[in-house]
Amino acid sequence: MLDGIKLERAGIPAVSIVTEPFSETGREMAASWGVPDYAFLVTAHPIANLGPAELDAKADELCEAVVAFLSQAQPG
């Protein structure tokens, strides 16, 4: 989350992605860094136990959402 916030502040479009149990933590972190309305994507949990092929599949699933998210991003 913080990486996304810092990249956005530097003018670099970014997408932060968290798993479902951490969505509230993501909102709290964004608020603590002064961007309470910071938008991010949420995906199913868990991912730590996934192997390389499963992680690739998860990335493929998220790809369309990431592109759509970045397409909606407002400059500045």
PDB file of N, CA and C in Angstrom:
ATOM      1  N   MET A   1       0.824  -1.174   0.000  1.00  0.00           N
ATOM      2  CA  MET A   1       0.000   0.000   0.000  1.00  0.00           C
ATOM      3  C   MET A   1       0.878   1.251   0.000  1.00  0.00           C
ATOM      4  N   LEU A   2       1.838   1.279   0.886  1.00  0.00           N
ATOM      5  CA  LEU A   2       2.684   2.469   0.993  1.00  0.00           C
ATOM      6  C   LEU A   2       3.471   2.711  -0.290  1.00  0.00           C
ATOM      7  N   ASP A   3       3.943   1.649  -0.910  1.00  0.00           N
ATOM      8  CA  ASP A   3       4.662   1.828  -2.182  1.00  0.00           C
ATOM      9  C   ASP A   3       3.769   2.511  -3.204  1.00  0.00           C
ATOM     10  N   GLY A   4       2.522   2.068  -3.308  1.00  0.00           N
ATOM     11  CA  GLY A   4       1.583   2.681  -4.248  1.00  0.00           C
ATOM     12  C   GLY A   4       1.352   4.143  -3.941  1.00  0.00           C
ATOM     13  N   ILE A   5       1.170   4.454  -2.685  1.00  0.00           N
ATOM     14  CA  ILE A   5       0.955   5.844  -2.279  1.00  0.00           C
ATOM     15  C   ILE A   5       2.162   6.702  -2.641  1.00  0.00           C
ATOM     16  N   LYS A   6       3.355   6.214  -2.333  1.00  0.00           N
ATOM     17  CA  LYS A   6       4.567   6.983  -2.630  1.00  0.00           C
ATOM     18  C   LYS A   6       4.787   7.130  -4.139  1.00  0.00           C
ATOM     19  N   LEU A   7       4.524   6.080  -4.895  1.00  0.00           N
ATOM     20  CA  LEU A   7       4.648   6.192  -6.352  1.00  0.00           C
ATOM     21  C   LEU A   7       3.672   7.227  -6.894  1.00  0.00           C
ATOM     22  N   GLU A   8       2.432   7.178  -6.438  1.00  0.00           N
ATOM     23  CA  GLU A   8       1.428   8.147  -6.884  1.00  0.00           C
ATOM     24  C   GLU A   8       1.856   9.573  -6.539  1.00  0.00           C
ATOM     25  N   ARG A   9       2.399   9.766  -5.362  1.00  0.00           N
ATOM     26  CA  ARG A   9       2.867  11.097  -4.961  1.00  0.00           C
ATOM     27  C   ARG A   9       4.007  11.577  -5.847  1.00  0.00           C
ATOM     28  N   ALA A  10       4.777  10.627  -6.387  1.00  0.00           N
ATOM     29  CA  ALA A  10       5.883  10.971  -7.286  1.00  0.00           C
ATOM     30  C   ALA A  10       5.407  11.128  -8.731  1.00  0.00           C
ATOM     31  N   GLY A  11       4.087  11.000  -8.940  1.00  0.00           N
ATOM     32  CA  GLY A  11       3.534  11.176 -10.277  1.00  0.00           C
ATOM     33  C   GLY A  11       3.552   9.917 -11.131  1.00  0.00           C
ATOM     34  N   ILE A  12       3.807   8.781 -10.503  1.00  0.00           N
ATOM     35  CA  ILE A  12       3.862   7.517 -11.227  1.00  0.00           C
ATOM     36  C   ILE A  12       2.585   6.734 -10.934  1.00  0.00           C
ATOM     37  N   PRO A  13       1.772   6.471 -11.941  1.00  0.00           N
ATOM     38  CA  PRO A  13       0.547   5.701 -11.701  1.00  0.00           C
ATOM     39  C   PRO A  13       0.871   4.339 -11.099  1.00  0.00           C
ATOM     40  N   ALA A  14       0.076   3.942 -10.129  1.00  0.00           N
ATOM     41  CA  ALA A  14       0.323   2.684  -9.428  1.00  0.00           C
ATOM     42  C   ALA A  14      -0.998   2.046  -9.030  1.00  0.00           C
ATOM     43  N   VAL A  15      -0.953   0.764  -8.794  1.00  0.00           N
ATOM     44  CA  VAL A  15      -2.105   0.026  -8.288  1.00  0.00           C
ATOM     45  C   VAL A  15      -1.641  -0.792  -7.086  1.00  0.00           C
ATOM     46  N   SER A  16      -2.227  -0.530  -5.954  1.00  0.00           N
ATOM     47  CA  SER A  16      -1.954  -1.341  -4.777  1.00  0.00           C
ATOM     48  C   SER A  16      -2.992  -2.455  -4.729  1.00  0.00           C
ATOM     49  N   ILE A  17      -2.526  -3.655  -4.365  1.00  0.00           N
ATOM     50  CA  ILE A  17      -3.411  -4.814  -4.288  1.00  0.00           C
ATOM     51  C   ILE A  17      -3.213  -5.470  -2.932  1.00  0.00           C
ATOM     52  N   VAL A  18      -4.310  -5.710  -2.238  1.00  0.00           N
ATOM     53  CA  VAL A  18      -4.261  -6.400  -0.955  1.00  0.00           C
ATOM     54  C   VAL A  18      -5.218  -7.589  -0.997  1.00  0.00           C
ATOM     55  N   THR A  19      -5.005  -8.548  -0.117  1.00  0.00           N
ATOM     56  CA  THR A  19      -5.958  -9.643  -0.023  1.00  0.00           C
ATOM     57  C   THR A  19      -7.074  -9.241   0.944  1.00  0.00           C
ATOM     58  N   GLU A  20      -8.206  -9.903   0.793  1.00  0.00           N
ATOM     59  CA  GLU A  20      -9.430  -9.511   1.510  1.00  0.00           C
ATOM     60  C   GLU A  20      -9.248  -9.213   2.996  1.00  0.00           C
ATOM     61  N   PRO A  21      -8.563 -10.059   3.762  1.00  0.00           N
ATOM     62  CA  PRO A  21      -8.465  -9.766   5.199  1.00  0.00           C
ATOM     63  C   PRO A  21      -7.703  -8.480   5.515  1.00  0.00           C
ATOM     64  N   PHE A  22      -6.948  -7.963   4.546  1.00  0.00           N
ATOM     65  CA  PHE A  22      -6.137  -6.780   4.791  1.00  0.00           C
ATOM     66  C   PHE A  22      -6.716  -5.506   4.179  1.00  0.00           C
ATOM     67  N   SER A  23      -7.952  -5.563   3.698  1.00  0.00           N
ATOM     68  CA  SER A  23      -8.537  -4.369   3.088  1.00  0.00           C
ATOM     69  C   SER A  23      -8.733  -3.252   4.109  1.00  0.00           C
ATOM     70  N   GLU A  24      -9.161  -3.592   5.316  1.00  0.00           N
ATOM     71  CA  GLU A  24      -9.327  -2.568   6.347  1.00  0.00           C
ATOM     72  C   GLU A  24      -7.974  -1.981   6.742  1.00  0.00           C
ATOM     73  N   THR A  25      -6.968  -2.817   6.844  1.00  0.00           N
ATOM     74  CA  THR A  25      -5.616  -2.339   7.145  1.00  0.00           C
ATOM     75  C   THR A  25      -5.145  -1.395   6.045  1.00  0.00           C
ATOM     76  N   GLY A  26      -5.448  -1.738   4.802  1.00  0.00           N
ATOM     77  CA  GLY A  26      -5.095  -0.869   3.682  1.00  0.00           C
ATOM     78  C   GLY A  26      -5.755   0.495   3.792  1.00  0.00           C
ATOM     79  N   ARG A  27      -7.050   0.501   4.130  1.00  0.00           N
ATOM     80  CA  ARG A  27      -7.757   1.778   4.301  1.00  0.00           C
ATOM     81  C   ARG A  27      -7.152   2.596   5.440  1.00  0.00           C
ATOM     82  N   GLU A  28      -6.824   1.921   6.523  1.00  0.00           N
ATOM     83  CA  GLU A  28      -6.228   2.622   7.670  1.00  0.00           C
ATOM     84  C   GLU A  28      -4.845   3.169   7.334  1.00  0.00           C
ATOM     85  N   MET A  29      -4.055   2.385   6.593  1.00  0.00           N
ATOM     86  CA  MET A  29      -2.727   2.861   6.215  1.00  0.00           C
ATOM     87  C   MET A  29      -2.840   4.080   5.296  1.00  0.00           C
ATOM     88  N   ALA A  30      -3.737   4.004   4.335  1.00  0.00           N
ATOM     89  CA  ALA A  30      -3.923   5.138   3.433  1.00  0.00           C
ATOM     90  C   ALA A  30      -4.324   6.387   4.220  1.00  0.00           C
ATOM     91  N   ALA A  31      -5.243   6.227   5.146  1.00  0.00           N
ATOM     92  CA  ALA A  31      -5.670   7.364   5.963  1.00  0.00           C
ATOM     93  C   ALA A  31      -4.510   7.916   6.778  1.00  0.00           C
ATOM     94  N   SER A  32      -3.688   7.022   7.332  1.00  0.00           N
ATOM     95  CA  SER A  32      -2.567   7.487   8.158  1.00  0.00           C
ATOM     96  C   SER A  32      -1.518   8.231   7.327  1.00  0.00           C
ATOM     97  N   TRP A  33      -1.492   7.976   6.007  1.00  0.00           N
ATOM     98  CA  TRP A  33      -0.564   8.678   5.124  1.00  0.00           C
ATOM     99  C   TRP A  33      -1.237   9.862   4.428  1.00  0.00           C
ATOM    100  N   GLY A  34      -2.427  10.224   4.901  1.00  0.00           N
ATOM    101  CA  GLY A  34      -3.078  11.438   4.420  1.00  0.00           C
ATOM    102  C   GLY A  34      -3.904  11.283   3.158  1.00  0.00           C
ATOM    103  N   VAL A  35      -4.194  10.047   2.746  1.00  0.00           N
ATOM    104  CA  VAL A  35      -5.024   9.829   1.549  1.00  0.00           C
ATOM    105  C   VAL A  35      -6.142   8.830   1.882  1.00  0.00           C
ATOM    106  N   PRO A  36      -7.101   9.271   2.699  1.00  0.00           N
ATOM    107  CA  PRO A  36      -8.142   8.349   3.150  1.00  0.00           C
ATOM    108  C   PRO A  36      -8.998   7.772   2.022  1.00  0.00           C
ATOM    109  N   ASP A  37      -9.037   8.432   0.881  1.00  0.00           N
ATOM    110  CA  ASP A  37      -9.821   7.947  -0.254  1.00  0.00           C
ATOM    111  C   ASP A  37      -8.974   7.192  -1.266  1.00  0.00           C
ATOM    112  N   TYR A  38      -7.754   6.819  -0.896  1.00  0.00           N
ATOM    113  CA  TYR A  38      -6.865   6.101  -1.806  1.00  0.00           C
ATOM    114  C   TYR A  38      -7.525   4.796  -2.237  1.00  0.00           C
ATOM    115  N   ALA A  39      -7.664   4.622  -3.531  1.00  0.00           N
ATOM    116  CA  ALA A  39      -8.311   3.424  -4.076  1.00  0.00           C
ATOM    117  C   ALA A  39      -7.293   2.320  -4.317  1.00  0.00           C
ATOM    118  N   PHE A  40      -7.704   1.085  -4.055  1.00  0.00           N
ATOM    119  CA  PHE A  40      -6.834  -0.062  -4.271  1.00  0.00           C
ATOM    120  C   PHE A  40      -7.691  -1.268  -4.635  1.00  0.00           C
ATOM    121  N   LEU A  41      -7.047  -2.291  -5.155  1.00  0.00           N
ATOM    122  CA  LEU A  41      -7.742  -3.512  -5.523  1.00  0.00           C
ATOM    123  C   LEU A  41      -7.647  -4.534  -4.401  1.00  0.00           C
ATOM    124  N   VAL A  42      -8.659  -5.381  -4.328  1.00  0.00           N
ATOM    125  CA  VAL A  42      -8.705  -6.441  -3.317  1.00  0.00           C
ATOM    126  C   VAL A  42      -8.847  -7.777  -4.040  1.00  0.00           C
ATOM    127  N   THR A  43      -8.056  -8.751  -3.614  1.00  0.00           N
ATOM    128  CA  THR A  43      -8.115 -10.090  -4.196  1.00  0.00           C
ATOM    129  C   THR A  43      -8.315 -11.124  -3.094  1.00  0.00           C
ATOM    130  N   ALA A  44      -8.636 -12.341  -3.509  1.00  0.00           N
ATOM    131  CA  ALA A  44      -8.897 -13.420  -2.557  1.00  0.00           C
ATOM    132  C   ALA A  44      -7.640 -13.773  -1.751  1.00  0.00           C
ATOM    133  N   HIS A  45      -7.885 -14.256  -0.574  1.00  0.00           N
ATOM    134  CA  HIS A  45      -6.843 -14.667   0.363  1.00  0.00           C
ATOM    135  C   HIS A  45      -6.926 -16.177   0.505  1.00  0.00           C
ATOM    136  N   PRO A  46      -5.867 -16.884   0.711  1.00  0.00           N
ATOM    137  CA  PRO A  46      -4.475 -16.455   0.828  1.00  0.00           C
ATOM    138  C   PRO A  46      -3.748 -16.550  -0.505  1.00  0.00           C
ATOM    139  N   ILE A  47      -2.566 -15.942  -0.547  1.00  0.00           N
ATOM    140  CA  ILE A  47      -1.711 -16.097  -1.725  1.00  0.00           C
ATOM    141  C   ILE A  47      -0.327 -16.617  -1.349  1.00  0.00           C
ATOM    142  N   ALA A  48       0.037 -16.519  -0.079  1.00  0.00           N
ATOM    143  CA  ALA A  48       1.384 -16.920   0.349  1.00  0.00           C
ATOM    144  C   ALA A  48       1.682 -18.392   0.091  1.00  0.00           C
ATOM    145  N   ASN A  49       0.654 -19.211   0.060  1.00  0.00           N
ATOM    146  CA  ASN A  49       0.878 -20.640  -0.121  1.00  0.00           C
ATOM    147  C   ASN A  49       0.774 -21.085  -1.581  1.00  0.00           C
ATOM    148  N   LEU A  50       0.605 -20.152  -2.501  1.00  0.00           N
ATOM    149  CA  LEU A  50       0.469 -20.499  -3.914  1.00  0.00           C
ATOM    150  C   LEU A  50       1.834 -20.730  -4.547  1.00  0.00           C
ATOM    151  N   GLY A  51       1.884 -21.684  -5.447  1.00  0.00           N
ATOM    152  CA  GLY A  51       3.097 -21.944  -6.200  1.00  0.00           C
ATOM    153  C   GLY A  51       3.216 -21.004  -7.388  1.00  0.00           C
ATOM    154  N   PRO A  52       4.317 -21.065  -8.117  1.00  0.00           N
ATOM    155  CA  PRO A  52       4.535 -20.157  -9.245  1.00  0.00           C
ATOM    156  C   PRO A  52       3.411 -20.181 -10.285  1.00  0.00           C
ATOM    157  N   ALA A  53       2.940 -21.340 -10.661  1.00  0.00           N
ATOM    158  CA  ALA A  53       1.876 -21.424 -11.671  1.00  0.00           C
ATOM    159  C   ALA A  53       0.576 -20.817 -11.146  1.00  0.00           C
ATOM    160  N   GLU A  54       0.301 -21.058  -9.873  1.00  0.00           N
ATOM    161  CA  GLU A  54      -0.915 -20.501  -9.275  1.00  0.00           C
ATOM    162  C   GLU A  54      -0.817 -18.981  -9.138  1.00  0.00           C
ATOM    163  N   LEU A  55       0.358 -18.487  -8.807  1.00  0.00           N
ATOM    164  CA  LEU A  55       0.549 -17.038  -8.735  1.00  0.00           C
ATOM    165  C   LEU A  55       0.416 -16.399 -10.112  1.00  0.00           C
ATOM    166  N   ASP A  56       0.947 -17.065 -11.129  1.00  0.00           N
ATOM    167  CA  ASP A  56       0.779 -16.565 -12.498  1.00  0.00           C
ATOM    168  C   ASP A  56      -0.696 -16.499 -12.869  1.00  0.00           C
ATOM    169  N   ALA A  57      -1.459 -17.518 -12.504  1.00  0.00           N
ATOM    170  CA  ALA A  57      -2.890 -17.532 -12.791  1.00  0.00           C
ATOM    171  C   ALA A  57      -3.596 -16.397 -12.057  1.00  0.00           C
ATOM    172  N   LYS A  58      -3.207 -16.168 -10.805  1.00  0.00           N
ATOM    173  CA  LYS A  58      -3.786 -15.069 -10.023  1.00  0.00           C
ATOM    174  C   LYS A  58      -3.469 -13.730 -10.682  1.00  0.00           C
ATOM    175  N   ALA A  59      -2.240 -13.553 -11.152  1.00  0.00           N
ATOM    176  CA  ALA A  59      -1.853 -12.317 -11.837  1.00  0.00           C
ATOM    177  C   ALA A  59      -2.668 -12.144 -13.116  1.00  0.00           C
ATOM    178  N   ASP A  60      -2.860 -13.242 -13.846  1.00  0.00           N
ATOM    179  CA  ASP A  60      -3.679 -13.173 -15.059  1.00  0.00           C
ATOM    180  C   ASP A  60      -5.104 -12.732 -14.732  1.00  0.00           C
ATOM    181  N   GLU A  61      -5.653 -13.253 -13.638  1.00  0.00           N
ATOM    182  CA  GLU A  61      -7.003 -12.874 -13.211  1.00  0.00           C
ATOM    183  C   GLU A  61      -7.089 -11.382 -12.884  1.00  0.00           C
ATOM    184  N   LEU A  62      -6.040 -10.839 -12.307  1.00  0.00           N
ATOM    185  CA  LEU A  62      -6.040  -9.438 -11.877  1.00  0.00           C
ATOM    186  C   LEU A  62      -5.690  -8.464 -12.998  1.00  0.00           C
ATOM    187  N   CYS A  63      -5.110  -8.951 -14.067  1.00  0.00           N
ATOM    188  CA  CYS A  63      -4.590  -8.085 -15.118  1.00  0.00           C
ATOM    189  C   CYS A  63      -5.650  -7.125 -15.667  1.00  0.00           C
ATOM    190  N   GLU A  64      -6.815  -7.643 -15.997  1.00  0.00           N
ATOM    191  CA  GLU A  64      -7.870  -6.790 -16.550  1.00  0.00           C
ATOM    192  C   GLU A  64      -8.289  -5.712 -15.554  1.00  0.00           C
ATOM    193  N   ALA A  65      -8.397  -6.084 -14.280  1.00  0.00           N
ATOM    194  CA  ALA A  65      -8.772  -5.112 -13.248  1.00  0.00           C
ATOM    195  C   ALA A  65      -7.701  -4.041 -13.081  1.00  0.00           C
ATOM    196  N   VAL A  66      -6.433  -4.432 -13.169  1.00  0.00           N
ATOM    197  CA  VAL A  66      -5.335  -3.464 -13.054  1.00  0.00           C
ATOM    198  C   VAL A  66      -5.373  -2.477 -14.208  1.00  0.00           C
ATOM    199  N   VAL A  67      -5.558  -2.972 -15.419  1.00  0.00           N
ATOM    200  CA  VAL A  67      -5.629  -2.093 -16.597  1.00  0.00           C
ATOM    201  C   VAL A  67      -6.809  -1.132 -16.458  1.00  0.00           C
ATOM    202  N   ALA A  68      -7.963  -1.657 -16.061  1.00  0.00           N
ATOM    203  CA  ALA A  68      -9.140  -0.800 -15.888  1.00  0.00           C
ATOM    204  C   ALA A  68      -8.897   0.244 -14.806  1.00  0.00           C
ATOM    205  N   PHE A  69      -8.276  -0.161 -13.718  1.00  0.00           N
ATOM    206  CA  PHE A  69      -7.974   0.747 -12.619  1.00  0.00           C
ATOM    207  C   PHE A  69      -7.078   1.890 -13.097  1.00  0.00           C
ATOM    208  N   LEU A  70      -6.009   1.535 -13.811  1.00  0.00           N
ATOM    209  CA  LEU A  70      -5.080   2.553 -14.311  1.00  0.00           C
ATOM    210  C   LEU A  70      -5.729   3.438 -15.365  1.00  0.00           C
ATOM    211  N   SER A  71      -6.633   2.890 -16.125  1.00  0.00           N
ATOM    212  CA  SER A  71      -7.330   3.661 -17.164  1.00  0.00           C
ATOM    213  C   SER A  71      -8.233   4.718 -16.548  1.00  0.00           C
ATOM    214  N   GLN A  72      -8.710   4.466 -15.334  1.00  0.00           N
ATOM    215  CA  GLN A  72      -9.591   5.409 -14.644  1.00  0.00           C
ATOM    216  C   GLN A  72      -8.812   6.423 -13.811  1.00  0.00           C
ATOM    217  N   ALA A  73      -7.516   6.193 -13.623  1.00  0.00           N
ATOM    218  CA  ALA A  73      -6.703   7.071 -12.780  1.00  0.00           C
ATOM    219  C   ALA A  73      -6.699   8.486 -13.332  1.00  0.00           C
ATOM    220  N   GLN A  74      -6.786   9.424 -12.450  1.00  0.00           N
ATOM    221  CA  GLN A  74      -6.764  10.835 -12.827  1.00  0.00           C
ATOM    222  C   GLN A  74      -5.347  11.382 -12.647  1.00  0.00           C
ATOM    223  N   PRO A  75      -4.829  12.090 -13.616  1.00  0.00           N
ATOM    224  CA  PRO A  75      -3.489  12.657 -13.468  1.00  0.00           C
ATOM    225  C   PRO A  75      -3.418  13.645 -12.302  1.00  0.00           C
ATOM    226  N   GLY A  76      -2.237  13.672 -11.677  1.00  0.00           N
ATOM    227  CA  GLY A  76      -1.987  14.650 -10.638  1.00  0.00           C
ATOM    228  C   GLY A  76      -2.637  14.272  -9.361  1.00  0.00           C
TER     229      GLY A  76
END
